[in-house]
Amino acid sequence: MKNITAIITFVLLTIGFNACSGGGGDASFENGQTIIPVSIACITAPDENDIATYETLLSGDAIVKDDVNTTVSIYHDVDGNKKICLVSGVAHIVR
């Protein structure tokens, strides 16, 4: 009986841990942090529809410039959310 319980527990743990791995999307997970690339280029005169496509910044996010000559712009949408887009260079968000 102990063997059956141990086997069932092992199988459930294995399935549980495998279900949490993998993924998809653009974000990667390193050292307990989510890395989100800033890849949407800024539009010269954006309207609220353009700003809605920019990446949303959350409280505690850090913007990291991967290139010395990187420039980003931050906008506020109609709901007060901060949105970021890339003017030049390469950057990412650490969440």
PDB file of N, CA and C in Angstrom:
ATOM      1  N   MET A   1       0.823  -1.201   0.000  1.00  0.00           N
ATOM      2  CA  MET A   1       0.000   0.000   0.000  1.00  0.00           C
ATOM      3  C   MET A   1       0.867   1.264   0.000  1.00  0.00           C
ATOM      4  N   LYS A   2       1.984   1.218   0.784  1.00  0.00           N
ATOM      5  CA  LYS A   2       2.883   2.371   0.818  1.00  0.00           C
ATOM      6  C   LYS A   2       3.498   2.617  -0.561  1.00  0.00           C
ATOM      7  N   ASN A   3       3.821   1.522  -1.252  1.00  0.00           N
ATOM      8  CA  ASN A   3       4.423   1.666  -2.577  1.00  0.00           C
ATOM      9  C   ASN A   3       3.458   2.318  -3.554  1.00  0.00           C
ATOM     10  N   ILE A   4       2.207   1.939  -3.510  1.00  0.00           N
ATOM     11  CA  ILE A   4       1.214   2.516  -4.417  1.00  0.00           C
ATOM     12  C   ILE A   4       1.029   4.001  -4.123  1.00  0.00           C
ATOM     13  N   THR A   5       0.953   4.360  -2.846  1.00  0.00           N
ATOM     14  CA  THR A   5       0.819   5.770  -2.464  1.00  0.00           C
ATOM     15  C   THR A   5       2.039   6.567  -2.908  1.00  0.00           C
ATOM     16  N   ALA A   6       3.231   6.007  -2.738  1.00  0.00           N
ATOM     17  CA  ALA A   6       4.460   6.691  -3.142  1.00  0.00           C
ATOM     18  C   ALA A   6       4.501   6.882  -4.655  1.00  0.00           C
ATOM     19  N   ILE A   7       4.093   5.859  -5.398  1.00  0.00           N
ATOM     20  CA  ILE A   7       4.096   5.953  -6.862  1.00  0.00           C
ATOM     21  C   ILE A   7       3.088   6.997  -7.336  1.00  0.00           C
ATOM     22  N   ILE A   8       1.905   6.993  -6.771  1.00  0.00           N
ATOM     23  CA  ILE A   8       0.887   7.978  -7.155  1.00  0.00           C
ATOM     24  C   ILE A   8       1.366   9.391  -6.837  1.00  0.00           C
ATOM     25  N   THR A   9       1.961   9.582  -5.658  1.00  0.00           N
ATOM     26  CA  THR A   9       2.487  10.899  -5.280  1.00  0.00           C
ATOM     27  C   THR A   9       3.577  11.339  -6.246  1.00  0.00           C
ATOM     28  N   PHE A  10       4.491  10.427  -6.582  1.00  0.00           N
ATOM     29  CA  PHE A  10       5.570  10.745  -7.507  1.00  0.00           C
ATOM     30  C   PHE A  10       5.029  11.140  -8.883  1.00  0.00           C
ATOM     31  N   VAL A  11       4.066  10.392  -9.378  1.00  0.00           N
ATOM     32  CA  VAL A  11       3.476  10.686 -10.689  1.00  0.00           C
ATOM     33  C   VAL A  11       2.788  12.049 -10.675  1.00  0.00           C
ATOM     34  N   LEU A  12       2.024  12.341  -9.635  1.00  0.00           N
ATOM     35  CA  LEU A  12       1.340  13.635  -9.553  1.00  0.00           C
ATOM     36  C   LEU A  12       2.331  14.794  -9.463  1.00  0.00           C
ATOM     37  N   LEU A  13       3.396  14.625  -8.680  1.00  0.00           N
ATOM     38  CA  LEU A  13       4.413  15.680  -8.601  1.00  0.00           C
ATOM     39  C   LEU A  13       5.105  15.882  -9.947  1.00  0.00           C
ATOM     40  N   THR A  14       5.416  14.797 -10.628  1.00  0.00           N
ATOM     41  CA  THR A  14       6.063  14.898 -11.939  1.00  0.00           C
ATOM     42  C   THR A  14       5.171  15.624 -12.937  1.00  0.00           C
ATOM     43  N   ILE A  15       3.910  15.262 -12.977  1.00  0.00           N
ATOM     44  CA  ILE A  15       2.975  15.935 -13.884  1.00  0.00           C
ATOM     45  C   ILE A  15       2.832  17.405 -13.509  1.00  0.00           C
ATOM     46  N   GLY A  16       2.748  17.696 -12.222  1.00  0.00           N
ATOM     47  CA  GLY A  16       2.605  19.082 -11.767  1.00  0.00           C
ATOM     48  C   GLY A  16       3.785  19.948 -12.149  1.00  0.00           C
ATOM     49  N   PHE A  17       4.999  19.446 -11.943  1.00  0.00           N
ATOM     50  CA  PHE A  17       6.175  20.242 -12.284  1.00  0.00           C
ATOM     51  C   PHE A  17       6.336  20.396 -13.794  1.00  0.00           C
ATOM     52  N   ASN A  18       6.013  19.379 -14.548  1.00  0.00           N
ATOM     53  CA  ASN A  18       6.114  19.484 -16.001  1.00  0.00           C
ATOM     54  C   ASN A  18       5.061  20.417 -16.579  1.00  0.00           C
ATOM     55  N   ALA A  19       3.923  20.513 -15.952  1.00  0.00           N
ATOM     56  CA  ALA A  19       2.869  21.410 -16.437  1.00  0.00           C
ATOM     57  C   ALA A  19       3.263  22.866 -16.265  1.00  0.00           C
ATOM     58  N   CYS A  20       4.127  23.162 -15.305  1.00  0.00           N
ATOM     59  CA  CYS A  20       4.540  24.545 -15.043  1.00  0.00           C
ATOM     60  C   CYS A  20       5.712  24.980 -15.900  1.00  0.00           C
ATOM     61  N   SER A  21       6.339  24.075 -16.613  1.00  0.00           N
ATOM     62  CA  SER A  21       7.499  24.461 -17.410  1.00  0.00           C
ATOM     63  C   SER A  21       7.081  24.748 -18.837  1.00  0.00           C
ATOM     64  N   GLY A  22       8.064  25.054 -19.651  1.00  0.00           N
ATOM     65  CA  GLY A  22       7.763  25.354 -21.053  1.00  0.00           C
ATOM     66  C   GLY A  22       7.234  26.756 -21.168  1.00  0.00           C
ATOM     67  N   GLY A  23       6.313  26.963 -22.027  1.00  0.00           N
ATOM     68  CA  GLY A  23       5.724  28.289 -22.135  1.00  0.00           C
ATOM     69  C   GLY A  23       5.651  28.728 -23.566  1.00  0.00           C
ATOM     70  N   GLY A  24       5.908  29.949 -23.757  1.00  0.00           N
ATOM     71  CA  GLY A  24       5.808  30.571 -25.056  1.00  0.00           C
ATOM     72  C   GLY A  24       5.820  32.058 -24.827  1.00  0.00           C
ATOM     73  N   GLY A  25       5.558  32.803 -25.807  1.00  0.00           N
ATOM     74  CA  GLY A  25       5.575  34.248 -25.669  1.00  0.00           C
ATOM     75  C   GLY A  25       6.976  34.797 -25.764  1.00  0.00           C
ATOM     76  N   ASP A  26       7.097  36.107 -25.568  1.00  0.00           N
ATOM     77  CA  ASP A  26       8.372  36.786 -25.726  1.00  0.00           C
ATOM     78  C   ASP A  26       9.188  36.826 -24.449  1.00  0.00           C
ATOM     79  N   ALA A  27       8.548  36.689 -23.311  1.00  0.00           N
ATOM     80  CA  ALA A  27       9.234  36.880 -22.043  1.00  0.00           C
ATOM     81  C   ALA A  27      10.067  35.656 -21.691  1.00  0.00           C
ATOM     82  N   SER A  28      11.201  35.895 -21.040  1.00  0.00           N
ATOM     83  CA  SER A  28      12.001  34.813 -20.499  1.00  0.00           C
ATOM     84  C   SER A  28      12.100  35.018 -18.994  1.00  0.00           C
ATOM     85  N   PHE A  29      12.473  33.965 -18.296  1.00  0.00           N
ATOM     86  CA  PHE A  29      12.484  33.997 -16.837  1.00  0.00           C
ATOM     87  C   PHE A  29      13.891  33.669 -16.379  1.00  0.00           C
ATOM     88  N   GLU A  30      14.605  34.664 -15.826  1.00  0.00           N
ATOM     89  CA  GLU A  30      15.970  34.465 -15.377  1.00  0.00           C
ATOM     90  C   GLU A  30      16.110  34.972 -13.957  1.00  0.00           C
ATOM     91  N   ASN A  31      16.702  34.138 -13.098  1.00  0.00           N
ATOM     92  CA  ASN A  31      16.982  34.536 -11.716  1.00  0.00           C
ATOM     93  C   ASN A  31      15.751  35.094 -11.012  1.00  0.00           C
ATOM     94  N   GLY A  32      14.603  34.494 -11.246  1.00  0.00           N
ATOM     95  CA  GLY A  32      13.385  34.945 -10.582  1.00  0.00           C
ATOM     96  C   GLY A  32      12.802  36.219 -11.154  1.00  0.00           C
ATOM     97  N   GLN A  33      13.267  36.643 -12.323  1.00  0.00           N
ATOM     98  CA  GLN A  33      12.776  37.874 -12.939  1.00  0.00           C
ATOM     99  C   GLN A  33      12.298  37.575 -14.355  1.00  0.00           C
ATOM    100  N   THR A  34      11.279  38.278 -14.762  1.00  0.00           N
ATOM    101  CA  THR A  34      10.787  38.137 -16.126  1.00  0.00           C
ATOM    102  C   THR A  34      11.437  39.215 -16.987  1.00  0.00           C
ATOM    103  N   ILE A  35      12.000  38.816 -18.116  1.00  0.00           N
ATOM    104  CA  ILE A  35      12.646  39.738 -19.050  1.00  0.00           C
ATOM    105  C   ILE A  35      11.716  39.918 -20.248  1.00  0.00           C
ATOM    106  N   ILE A  36      11.307  41.163 -20.495  1.00  0.00           N
ATOM    107  CA  ILE A  36      10.395  41.469 -21.602  1.00  0.00           C
ATOM    108  C   ILE A  36      11.106  42.418 -22.567  1.00  0.00           C
ATOM    109  N   PRO A  37      11.368  41.996 -23.800  1.00  0.00           N
ATOM    110  CA  PRO A  37      12.030  42.894 -24.747  1.00  0.00           C
ATOM    111  C   PRO A  37      11.117  44.052 -25.153  1.00  0.00           C
ATOM    112  N   VAL A  38      11.707  45.233 -25.282  1.00  0.00           N
ATOM    113  CA  VAL A  38      10.967  46.396 -25.789  1.00  0.00           C
ATOM    114  C   VAL A  38      11.249  46.434 -27.285  1.00  0.00           C
ATOM    115  N   SER A  39      10.269  46.030 -28.076  1.00  0.00           N
ATOM    116  CA  SER A  39      10.507  45.893 -29.512  1.00  0.00           C
ATOM    117  C   SER A  39       9.574  46.745 -30.362  1.00  0.00           C
ATOM    118  N   ILE A  40       8.635  47.436 -29.740  1.00  0.00           N
ATOM    119  CA  ILE A  40       7.689  48.252 -30.504  1.00  0.00           C
ATOM    120  C   ILE A  40       8.285  49.643 -30.707  1.00  0.00           C
ATOM    121  N   ALA A  41       8.460  50.020 -31.957  1.00  0.00           N
ATOM    122  CA  ALA A  41       9.039  51.323 -32.282  1.00  0.00           C
ATOM    123  C   ALA A  41       8.025  52.434 -32.039  1.00  0.00           C
ATOM    124  N   CYS A  42       8.520  53.564 -31.555  1.00  0.00           N
ATOM    125  CA  CYS A  42       7.660  54.724 -31.311  1.00  0.00           C
ATOM    126  C   CYS A  42       7.179  55.319 -32.633  1.00  0.00           C
ATOM    127  N   ILE A  43       5.989  55.848 -32.608  1.00  0.00           N
ATOM    128  CA  ILE A  43       5.418  56.563 -33.742  1.00  0.00           C
ATOM    129  C   ILE A  43       5.591  58.051 -33.459  1.00  0.00           C
ATOM    130  N   THR A  44       5.941  58.840 -34.468  1.00  0.00           N
ATOM    131  CA  THR A  44       6.264  60.253 -34.282  1.00  0.00           C
ATOM    132  C   THR A  44       5.171  61.037 -33.579  1.00  0.00           C
ATOM    133  N   ALA A  45       3.949  60.911 -34.015  1.00  0.00           N
ATOM    134  CA  ALA A  45       2.827  61.611 -33.379  1.00  0.00           C
ATOM    135  C   ALA A  45       1.750  60.576 -33.038  1.00  0.00           C
ATOM    136  N   PRO A  46       1.938  59.833 -31.943  1.00  0.00           N
ATOM    137  CA  PRO A  46       1.005  58.737 -31.653  1.00  0.00           C
ATOM    138  C   PRO A  46      -0.349  59.228 -31.150  1.00  0.00           C
ATOM    139  N   ASP A  47      -1.384  58.502 -31.533  1.00  0.00           N
ATOM    140  CA  ASP A  47      -2.699  58.759 -30.945  1.00  0.00           C
ATOM    141  C   ASP A  47      -2.946  57.675 -29.892  1.00  0.00           C
ATOM    142  N   GLU A  48      -4.107  57.684 -29.257  1.00  0.00           N
ATOM    143  CA  GLU A  48      -4.347  56.730 -28.173  1.00  0.00           C
ATOM    144  C   GLU A  48      -4.370  55.281 -28.657  1.00  0.00           C
ATOM    145  N   ASN A  49      -4.728  55.042 -29.921  1.00  0.00           N
ATOM    146  CA  ASN A  49      -4.686  53.680 -30.463  1.00  0.00           C
ATOM    147  C   ASN A  49      -3.255  53.188 -30.620  1.00  0.00           C
ATOM    148  N   ASP A  50      -2.346  54.086 -31.029  1.00  0.00           N
ATOM    149  CA  ASP A  50      -0.936  53.723 -31.147  1.00  0.00           C
ATOM    150  C   ASP A  50      -0.348  53.431 -29.773  1.00  0.00           C
ATOM    151  N   ILE A  51      -0.639  54.294 -28.809  1.00  0.00           N
ATOM    152  CA  ILE A  51      -0.098  54.138 -27.457  1.00  0.00           C
ATOM    153  C   ILE A  51      -0.591  52.836 -26.833  1.00  0.00           C
ATOM    154  N   ALA A  52      -1.786  52.413 -27.174  1.00  0.00           N
ATOM    155  CA  ALA A  52      -2.334  51.161 -26.637  1.00  0.00           C
ATOM    156  C   ALA A  52      -1.511  49.945 -27.058  1.00  0.00           C
ATOM    157  N   THR A  53      -0.755  50.051 -28.165  1.00  0.00           N
ATOM    158  CA  THR A  53       0.055  48.921 -28.629  1.00  0.00           C
ATOM    159  C   THR A  53       1.419  48.865 -27.952  1.00  0.00           C
ATOM    160  N   TYR A  54       1.821  49.926 -27.256  1.00  0.00           N
ATOM    161  CA  TYR A  54       3.118  49.951 -26.590  1.00  0.00           C
ATOM    162  C   TYR A  54       3.099  49.034 -25.368  1.00  0.00           C
ATOM    163  N   GLU A  55       4.282  48.637 -24.898  1.00  0.00           N
ATOM    164  CA  GLU A  55       4.405  47.737 -23.750  1.00  0.00           C
ATOM    165  C   GLU A  55       4.029  48.477 -22.464  1.00  0.00           C
ATOM    166  N   THR A  56       3.228  47.841 -21.612  1.00  0.00           N
ATOM    167  CA  THR A  56       2.781  48.451 -20.363  1.00  0.00           C
ATOM    168  C   THR A  56       3.838  48.275 -19.282  1.00  0.00           C
ATOM    169  N   LEU A  57       4.132  49.352 -18.564  1.00  0.00           N
ATOM    170  CA  LEU A  57       5.033  49.296 -17.416  1.00  0.00           C
ATOM    171  C   LEU A  57       4.206  49.110 -16.153  1.00  0.00           C
ATOM    172  N   LEU A  58       4.655  48.224 -15.289  1.00  0.00           N
ATOM    173  CA  LEU A  58       3.995  47.992 -14.018  1.00  0.00           C
ATOM    174  C   LEU A  58       4.856  48.539 -12.887  1.00  0.00           C
ATOM    175  N   SER A  59       4.271  48.698 -11.727  1.00  0.00           N
ATOM    176  CA  SER A  59       5.010  49.165 -10.562  1.00  0.00           C
ATOM    177  C   SER A  59       6.147  48.188 -10.261  1.00  0.00           C
ATOM    178  N   GLY A  60       7.345  48.694 -10.094  1.00  0.00           N
ATOM    179  CA  GLY A  60       8.502  47.855  -9.807  1.00  0.00           C
ATOM    180  C   GLY A  60       9.286  47.430 -11.028  1.00  0.00           C
ATOM    181  N   ASP A  61       8.777  47.692 -12.225  1.00  0.00           N
ATOM    182  CA  ASP A  61       9.508  47.354 -13.447  1.00  0.00           C
ATOM    183  C   ASP A  61      10.754  48.220 -13.569  1.00  0.00           C
ATOM    184  N   ALA A  62      11.795  47.646 -14.159  1.00  0.00           N
ATOM    185  CA  ALA A  62      13.021  48.396 -14.440  1.00  0.00           C
ATOM    186  C   ALA A  62      13.284  48.344 -15.937  1.00  0.00           C
ATOM    187  N   ILE A  63      13.603  49.500 -16.505  1.00  0.00           N
ATOM    188  CA  ILE A  63      13.948  49.575 -17.926  1.00  0.00           C
ATOM    189  C   ILE A  63      15.462  49.456 -18.028  1.00  0.00           C
ATOM    190  N   VAL A  64      15.926  48.507 -18.836  1.00  0.00           N
ATOM    191  CA  VAL A  64      17.356  48.289 -19.008  1.00  0.00           C
ATOM    192  C   VAL A  64      17.715  48.597 -20.452  1.00  0.00           C
ATOM    193  N   LYS A  65      18.670  49.516 -20.637  1.00  0.00           N
ATOM    194  CA  LYS A  65      19.151  49.852 -21.976  1.00  0.00           C
ATOM    195  C   LYS A  65      20.293  48.903 -22.315  1.00  0.00           C
ATOM    196  N   ASP A  66      20.102  48.084 -23.351  1.00  0.00           N
ATOM    197  CA  ASP A  66      21.096  47.099 -23.751  1.00  0.00           C
ATOM    198  C   ASP A  66      22.174  47.690 -24.649  1.00  0.00           C
ATOM    199  N   ASP A  67      21.975  48.899 -25.116  1.00  0.00           N
ATOM    200  CA  ASP A  67      22.907  49.572 -26.005  1.00  0.00           C
ATOM    201  C   ASP A  67      23.134  50.978 -25.453  1.00  0.00           C
ATOM    202  N   VAL A  68      24.338  51.494 -25.594  1.00  0.00           N
ATOM    203  CA  VAL A  68      24.672  52.816 -25.056  1.00  0.00           C
ATOM    204  C   VAL A  68      23.790  53.907 -25.642  1.00  0.00           C
ATOM    205  N   ASN A  69      23.478  53.829 -26.913  1.00  0.00           N
ATOM    206  CA  ASN A  69      22.712  54.875 -27.591  1.00  0.00           C
ATOM    207  C   ASN A  69      21.207  54.603 -27.611  1.00  0.00           C
ATOM    208  N   THR A  70      20.715  53.854 -26.649  1.00  0.00           N
ATOM    209  CA  THR A  70      19.291  53.517 -26.606  1.00  0.00           C
ATOM    210  C   THR A  70      18.476  54.686 -26.072  1.00  0.00           C
ATOM    211  N   THR A  71      17.351  54.941 -26.733  1.00  0.00           N
ATOM    212  CA  THR A  71      16.399  55.960 -26.282  1.00  0.00           C
ATOM    213  C   THR A  71      15.010  55.339 -26.289  1.00  0.00           C
ATOM    214  N   VAL A  72      14.288  55.517 -25.176  1.00  0.00           N
ATOM    215  CA  VAL A  72      12.907  55.044 -25.092  1.00  0.00           C
ATOM    216  C   VAL A  72      12.012  56.220 -24.740  1.00  0.00           C
ATOM    217  N   SER A  73      10.734  56.086 -25.048  1.00  0.00           N
ATOM    218  CA  SER A  73       9.743  57.098 -24.658  1.00  0.00           C
ATOM    219  C   SER A  73       8.691  56.425 -23.798  1.00  0.00           C
ATOM    220  N   ILE A  74       8.206  57.164 -22.805  1.00  0.00           N
ATOM    221  CA  ILE A  74       7.158  56.664 -21.924  1.00  0.00           C
ATOM    222  C   ILE A  74       5.949  57.577 -22.061  1.00  0.00           C
ATOM    223  N   TYR A  75       4.811  56.971 -22.304  1.00  0.00           N
ATOM    224  CA  TYR A  75       3.550  57.700 -22.442  1.00  0.00           C
ATOM    225  C   TYR A  75       2.581  57.218 -21.372  1.00  0.00           C
ATOM    226  N   HIS A  76       1.581  58.020 -21.092  1.00  0.00           N
ATOM    227  CA  HIS A  76       0.469  57.612 -20.238  1.00  0.00           C
ATOM    228  C   HIS A  76      -0.764  57.483 -21.116  1.00  0.00           C
ATOM    229  N   ASP A  77      -1.452  56.335 -21.011  1.00  0.00           N
ATOM    230  CA  ASP A  77      -2.668  56.170 -21.803  1.00  0.00           C
ATOM    231  C   ASP A  77      -3.852  56.817 -21.088  1.00  0.00           C
ATOM    232  N   VAL A  78      -5.030  56.702 -21.663  1.00  0.00           N
ATOM    233  CA  VAL A  78      -6.218  57.364 -21.111  1.00  0.00           C
ATOM    234  C   VAL A  78      -6.610  56.809 -19.747  1.00  0.00           C
ATOM    235  N   ASP A  79      -6.161  55.590 -19.423  1.00  0.00           N
ATOM    236  CA  ASP A  79      -6.464  54.992 -18.127  1.00  0.00           C
ATOM    237  C   ASP A  79      -5.382  55.263 -17.086  1.00  0.00           C
ATOM    238  N   GLY A  80      -4.335  56.016 -17.468  1.00  0.00           N
ATOM    239  CA  GLY A  80      -3.261  56.334 -16.540  1.00  0.00           C
ATOM    240  C   GLY A  80      -2.150  55.302 -16.488  1.00  0.00           C
ATOM    241  N   ASN A  81      -2.184  54.307 -17.369  1.00  0.00           N
ATOM    242  CA  ASN A  81      -1.121  53.302 -17.417  1.00  0.00           C
ATOM    243  C   ASN A  81       0.091  53.870 -18.135  1.00  0.00           C
ATOM    244  N   LYS A  82       1.281  53.500 -17.671  1.00  0.00           N
ATOM    245  CA  LYS A  82       2.505  53.911 -18.353  1.00  0.00           C
ATOM    246  C   LYS A  82       2.788  52.928 -19.477  1.00  0.00           C
ATOM    247  N   LYS A  83       3.104  53.455 -20.656  1.00  0.00           N
ATOM    248  CA  LYS A  83       3.408  52.651 -21.840  1.00  0.00           C
ATOM    249  C   LYS A  83       4.782  53.059 -22.352  1.00  0.00           C
ATOM    250  N   ILE A  84       5.573  52.091 -22.801  1.00  0.00           N
ATOM    251  CA  ILE A  84       6.929  52.364 -23.270  1.00  0.00           C
ATOM    252  C   ILE A  84       7.083  51.896 -24.715  1.00  0.00           C
ATOM    253  N   CYS A  85       7.848  52.687 -25.475  1.00  0.00           N
ATOM    254  CA  CYS A  85       8.184  52.300 -26.845  1.00  0.00           C
ATOM    255  C   CYS A  85       9.648  52.646 -27.089  1.00  0.00           C
ATOM    256  N   LEU A  86      10.199  52.097 -28.133  1.00  0.00           N
ATOM    257  CA  LEU A  86      11.615  52.232 -28.450  1.00  0.00           C
ATOM    258  C   LEU A  86      11.826  53.275 -29.535  1.00  0.00           C
ATOM    259  N   VAL A  87      12.616  54.310 -29.220  1.00  0.00           N
ATOM    260  CA  VAL A  87      12.974  55.325 -30.212  1.00  0.00           C
ATOM    261  C   VAL A  87      14.169  54.833 -31.019  1.00  0.00           C
ATOM    262  N   SER A  88      15.205  54.348 -30.319  1.00  0.00           N
ATOM    263  CA  SER A  88      16.382  53.794 -30.986  1.00  0.00           C
ATOM    264  C   SER A  88      17.116  52.873 -30.026  1.00  0.00           C
ATOM    265  N   GLY A  89      17.936  51.995 -30.587  1.00  0.00           N
ATOM    266  CA  GLY A  89      18.729  51.097 -29.764  1.00  0.00           C
ATOM    267  C   GLY A  89      17.993  49.821 -29.388  1.00  0.00           C
ATOM    268  N   VAL A  90      18.417  49.241 -28.265  1.00  0.00           N
ATOM    269  CA  VAL A  90      17.863  47.977 -27.781  1.00  0.00           C
ATOM    270  C   VAL A  90      17.633  48.097 -26.281  1.00  0.00           C
ATOM    271  N   ALA A  91      16.453  47.673 -25.822  1.00  0.00           N
ATOM    272  CA  ALA A  91      16.137  47.740 -24.390  1.00  0.00           C
ATOM    273  C   ALA A  91      15.220  46.592 -24.003  1.00  0.00           C
ATOM    274  N   HIS A  92      15.156  46.346 -22.693  1.00  0.00           N
ATOM    275  CA  HIS A  92      14.202  45.369 -22.183  1.00  0.00           C
ATOM    276  C   HIS A  92      13.701  45.813 -20.814  1.00  0.00           C
ATOM    277  N   ILE A  93      12.617  45.195 -20.381  1.00  0.00           N
ATOM    278  CA  ILE A  93      12.019  45.475 -19.078  1.00  0.00           C
ATOM    279  C   ILE A  93      12.294  44.281 -18.177  1.00  0.00           C
ATOM    280  N   VAL A  94      12.725  44.555 -16.949  1.00  0.00           N
ATOM    281  CA  VAL A  94      12.880  43.501 -15.944  1.00  0.00           C
ATOM    282  C   VAL A  94      11.702  43.618 -15.000  1.00  0.00           C
ATOM    283  N   ARG A  95      10.917  42.564 -14.940  1.00  0.00           N
ATOM    284  CA  ARG A  95       9.699  42.578 -14.113  1.00  0.00           C
ATOM    285  C   ARG A  95       9.859  41.580 -12.995  1.00  0.00           C
TER     286      ARG A  95
END
